Amino acid sequence: MAERITAKPLTAEGFRPFGDVIEPEGAPDKLINAGLCGRFHDRARLDFGDGRAGLSLFDAEARDWPLRVDLVERHPEGSQAFMPVSGARMIVVVAEDEGGIPVNYQAFVSLSGQVVNLLRNTWHGVLAPLGERGQFAVLDRIGEGANLEEYPLDPPLWVEPGEGA
């Protein structure tokens, strides 16, 4: 029988075991550009191992509720950050690892403009912009070696919207 989980709003505290939520919250760490720009400094645990940082653009098809998840993946050599260029919200599915197997799935829904950085080796669903096509700048590791593991889900996982999602 397919497992069903409920998505909750994306918060820095709730997402911390899986990565970082990057957003301009609170007062900036410093003012720059003659006081005309607030800098929210060093907000992500970026990790490129022995590779280098690469910036790519992704154009992803819209998804809707309930979200069918039949594949999760992880990147053993580095972190991966998703920055919405188009302002699209996204459904972020993550899981803990137990001996190389994803377990204890959780789902989050971002607000427009929230950036997500997934830590190295974090199981996650594929990019899923909510309700509209989404363009994303993606910052991740470029380098030698296999940096992608996929895990098919059969039966699939179904994600439903929760309160505030």
Protein backbone atom coordinates (compact mmCIF):
# COMPACT_ATOMS: atom_id res chain seq x y z
CA MET A 1 0.00 0.00 0.00
CA ALA A 2 1.27 3.47 -0.88
CA GLU A 3 2.40 5.67 1.97
CA ARG A 4 0.80 9.09 2.38
CA ILE A 5 2.36 12.06 4.12
CA THR A 6 1.20 15.61 4.72
CA ALA A 7 3.26 18.61 3.65
CA LYS A 8 3.90 21.39 6.12
CA PRO A 9 5.18 24.94 5.64
CA LEU A 10 8.92 25.21 5.05
CA THR A 11 10.71 26.65 8.09
CA ALA A 12 14.43 26.86 8.88
CA GLU A 13 13.96 24.97 12.15
CA GLY A 14 11.89 22.13 10.71
CA PHE A 15 14.17 21.69 7.69
CA ARG A 16 17.53 21.97 9.52
CA PRO A 17 18.29 18.19 9.65
CA PHE A 18 18.08 18.08 5.84
CA GLY A 19 19.57 21.44 4.88
CA ASP A 20 19.07 25.17 5.00
CA VAL A 21 16.20 27.54 4.26
CA ILE A 22 17.71 30.73 2.95
CA GLU A 23 15.62 33.87 3.17
CA PRO A 24 16.04 37.49 4.25
CA GLU A 25 14.46 37.16 7.67
CA GLY A 26 15.09 39.60 10.53
CA ALA A 27 17.65 42.35 10.34
CA PRO A 28 20.51 42.00 7.85
CA ASP A 29 23.94 41.07 9.20
CA LYS A 30 25.40 44.23 7.71
CA LEU A 31 24.53 47.09 5.43
CA ILE A 32 26.55 47.48 2.23
CA ASN A 33 26.49 49.70 -0.86
CA ALA A 34 26.43 52.94 1.11
CA GLY A 35 23.64 51.60 3.32
CA LEU A 36 21.31 50.86 0.40
CA CYS A 37 21.54 47.06 0.61
CA GLY A 38 21.20 44.64 3.49
CA ARG A 39 23.51 41.61 3.41
CA PHE A 40 22.22 38.39 4.99
CA HIS A 41 25.61 36.74 5.28
CA ASP A 42 26.67 33.09 4.90
CA ARG A 43 23.22 31.49 5.24
CA ALA A 44 23.91 27.99 3.83
CA ARG A 45 26.10 25.00 4.63
CA LEU A 46 27.44 24.66 1.10
CA ASP A 47 29.67 21.64 0.50
CA PHE A 48 31.43 20.83 -2.77
CA GLY A 49 33.87 18.22 -1.46
CA ASP A 50 36.78 17.93 -3.86
CA GLY A 51 34.79 19.51 -6.71
CA ARG A 52 33.93 23.09 -7.50
CA ALA A 53 30.74 25.14 -7.31
CA GLY A 54 28.66 25.10 -10.47
CA LEU A 55 25.64 27.23 -11.28
CA SER A 56 22.99 25.71 -13.57
CA LEU A 57 19.48 26.71 -14.61
CA PHE A 58 16.55 24.26 -14.30
CA ASP A 59 13.16 24.63 -15.98
CA ALA A 60 10.68 22.33 -14.24
CA GLU A 61 7.10 21.42 -15.05
CA ALA A 62 4.35 22.38 -12.62
CA ARG A 63 3.14 19.85 -10.06
CA ASP A 64 -0.04 19.82 -8.02
CA TRP A 65 -1.76 18.03 -5.15
CA PRO A 66 -1.63 15.23 -4.37
CA LEU A 67 2.03 14.93 -5.40
CA ARG A 68 3.07 11.47 -6.60
CA VAL A 69 6.68 10.67 -5.66
CA ASP A 70 8.08 7.58 -7.35
CA LEU A 71 11.78 8.45 -7.17
CA VAL A 72 14.09 10.04 -4.63
CA GLU A 73 17.74 10.86 -5.07
CA ARG A 74 20.77 12.07 -3.18
CA HIS A 75 24.14 13.59 -3.96
CA PRO A 76 26.97 11.91 -1.98
CA GLU A 77 29.68 14.34 -3.09
CA GLY A 78 28.11 17.72 -2.33
CA SER A 79 25.21 19.94 -1.35
CA GLN A 80 22.60 21.26 -3.78
CA ALA A 81 20.79 24.62 -3.51
CA PHE A 82 17.58 25.51 -5.39
CA MET A 83 16.96 29.23 -5.93
CA PRO A 84 13.64 30.07 -7.61
CA VAL A 85 14.22 32.63 -10.36
CA SER A 86 10.56 32.75 -11.40
CA GLY A 87 9.20 33.06 -7.85
CA ALA A 88 7.57 29.63 -7.95
CA ARG A 89 6.78 27.86 -4.70
CA MET A 90 8.01 24.29 -4.42
CA ILE A 91 7.14 21.05 -2.69
CA VAL A 92 10.28 19.67 -1.07
CA VAL A 93 10.25 15.98 -0.11
CA VAL A 94 13.13 14.70 2.03
CA ALA A 95 13.95 11.54 3.96
CA GLU A 96 16.38 10.28 6.56
CA ASP A 97 18.92 7.61 5.61
CA GLU A 98 18.99 4.17 7.20
CA GLY A 99 21.76 2.00 5.79
CA GLY A 100 21.47 3.47 2.30
CA ILE A 101 17.66 3.36 2.27
CA PRO A 102 15.43 6.46 2.55
CA VAL A 103 13.08 6.32 5.56
CA ASN A 104 10.82 8.68 7.54
CA TYR A 105 9.76 10.91 4.67
CA GLN A 106 8.80 14.53 5.29
CA ALA A 107 7.40 17.14 2.92
CA PHE A 108 7.56 20.92 3.04
CA VAL A 109 6.05 23.70 0.95
CA SER A 110 8.13 26.81 0.34
CA LEU A 111 6.92 30.36 0.17
CA SER A 112 7.67 32.32 -2.98
CA GLY A 113 11.30 33.41 -2.80
CA GLN A 114 12.52 30.86 -0.24
CA VAL A 115 15.74 29.11 -1.22
CA VAL A 116 16.51 25.53 -0.17
CA ASN A 117 19.99 24.09 0.28
CA LEU A 118 20.03 20.29 0.61
CA LEU A 119 22.95 18.90 2.59
CA ARG A 120 25.29 16.32 1.08
CA ASN A 121 23.74 12.83 1.08
CA THR A 122 20.19 14.02 1.83
CA TRP A 123 17.51 11.90 0.15
CA HIS A 124 15.07 14.19 -1.67
CA GLY A 125 12.34 14.16 -4.26
CA VAL A 126 12.77 15.68 -7.69
CA LEU A 127 12.20 19.39 -8.22
CA ALA A 128 8.48 20.07 -7.89
CA PRO A 129 7.27 23.66 -8.47
CA LEU A 130 3.78 24.02 -7.05
CA GLY A 131 0.95 25.04 -9.39
CA GLU A 132 3.11 26.68 -12.06
CA ARG A 133 6.18 25.95 -14.17
CA GLY A 134 9.31 27.07 -12.34
CA GLN A 135 12.76 28.23 -13.29
CA PHE A 136 15.52 27.72 -10.74
CA ALA A 137 19.18 28.58 -10.44
CA VAL A 138 20.84 25.52 -8.93
CA LEU A 139 24.18 25.70 -7.11
CA ASP A 140 25.84 22.32 -6.73
CA ARG A 141 29.06 20.34 -7.06
CA ILE A 142 30.79 19.91 -10.40
CA GLY A 143 33.62 17.39 -10.47
CA GLU A 144 34.81 13.84 -10.96
CA GLY A 145 32.98 10.85 -9.53
CA ALA A 146 29.37 9.78 -9.27
CA ASN A 147 27.35 12.44 -7.45
CA LEU A 148 23.89 10.99 -7.98
CA GLU A 149 22.16 8.01 -6.38
CA GLU A 150 18.55 7.28 -7.26
CA TYR A 151 16.06 5.19 -5.29
CA PRO A 152 12.79 4.22 -7.03
CA LEU A 153 9.68 4.00 -4.83
CA ASP A 154 7.26 1.16 -5.55
CA PRO A 155 4.59 1.76 -4.46
CA PRO A 156 4.92 5.53 -4.79
CA LEU A 157 4.68 7.99 -1.93
CA TRP A 158 1.76 10.44 -2.03
CA VAL A 159 2.07 13.93 -0.55
CA GLU A 160 -1.02 15.90 0.40
CA PRO A 161 -1.28 19.54 1.47
CA GLY A 162 -1.35 20.22 5.17
CA GLU A 163 -2.49 23.19 7.21
CA GLY A 164 -0.83 26.33 5.85
CA ALA A 165 0.83 24.49 2.96
